[in-house]
Protein backbone atom coordinates (compact mmCIF):
# COMPACT_ATOMS: atom_id res chain seq x y z
CA UNK A 1 0.00 0.00 0.00
CA UNK A 2 1.20 3.52 -0.77
CA UNK A 3 0.37 6.65 1.18
CA UNK A 4 0.63 9.75 -1.01
CA UNK A 5 1.01 13.06 0.83
CA UNK A 6 -0.40 16.05 -1.07
CA UNK A 7 1.17 19.54 -0.98
CA UNK A 8 -1.62 20.77 1.35
CA UNK A 9 -0.78 18.06 3.92
CA UNK A 10 -3.77 15.82 3.20
CA UNK A 11 -3.17 12.27 2.01
CA UNK A 12 -4.66 9.26 0.24
CA UNK A 13 -3.90 5.56 0.07
CA UNK A 14 -3.44 3.54 -3.13
CA UNK A 15 -2.80 -0.12 -3.77
CA UNK A 16 0.82 -0.53 -4.83
CA UNK A 17 -0.12 -2.34 -8.05
CA UNK A 18 -1.87 0.84 -9.29
CA UNK A 19 1.29 2.97 -8.95
CA UNK A 20 3.26 3.54 -12.14
CA UNK A 21 5.90 6.18 -11.36
CA UNK A 22 7.04 8.99 -9.10
CA UNK A 23 9.21 11.64 -10.74
CA UNK A 24 10.09 15.33 -10.82
CA UNK A 25 8.61 17.41 -13.64
CA UNK A 26 10.53 20.13 -15.50
CA UNK A 27 9.53 22.65 -12.80
CA UNK A 28 10.92 20.47 -10.01
CA UNK A 29 7.54 19.39 -8.60
CA UNK A 30 7.20 15.82 -7.33
CA UNK A 31 4.62 14.03 -9.49
CA UNK A 32 2.97 10.62 -9.06
CA UNK A 33 1.47 8.64 -11.92
CA UNK A 34 -1.17 6.06 -11.05
CA UNK A 35 -3.86 3.97 -12.71
CA UNK A 36 -7.39 5.41 -12.70
CA UNK A 37 -9.91 3.58 -10.51
CA UNK A 38 -11.90 2.47 -13.58
CA UNK A 39 -8.67 1.14 -15.18
CA UNK A 40 -9.16 3.37 -18.24
CA UNK A 41 -5.64 4.77 -18.15
CA UNK A 42 -3.20 6.73 -16.04
CA UNK A 43 -3.35 10.14 -14.41
CA UNK A 44 -0.73 12.37 -12.80
CA UNK A 45 -0.95 14.49 -9.67
CA UNK A 46 1.41 16.55 -7.55
CA UNK A 47 2.57 15.13 -4.22
CA UNK A 48 4.82 16.33 -1.40
CA UNK A 49 5.99 12.79 -0.59
CA UNK A 50 4.95 9.18 -0.17
CA UNK A 51 5.36 6.21 2.15
CA UNK A 52 5.41 2.52 1.30
CA UNK A 53 3.29 0.85 3.97
CA UNK A 54 4.05 -2.72 4.99
CA UNK A 55 1.38 -5.39 5.51
CA UNK A 56 0.36 -6.03 9.09
CA UNK A 57 1.98 -2.81 10.33
CA UNK A 58 -0.07 -0.27 12.29
CA UNK A 59 0.63 3.34 11.31
CA UNK A 60 -0.73 6.26 13.29
């Protein structure tokens, strides 16, 4: 599971198999690319950071 942290401090969780890439764009922003929920393609969004969450681990 991945936890993406958005620039405003909020976050979301995504299954790791839906993640495609994390990279810096030409302006230096950190960008994540992930599969759309309906599996119709990919989309990109700006993030501040991310965590890879391990199974069976409690995060607070």
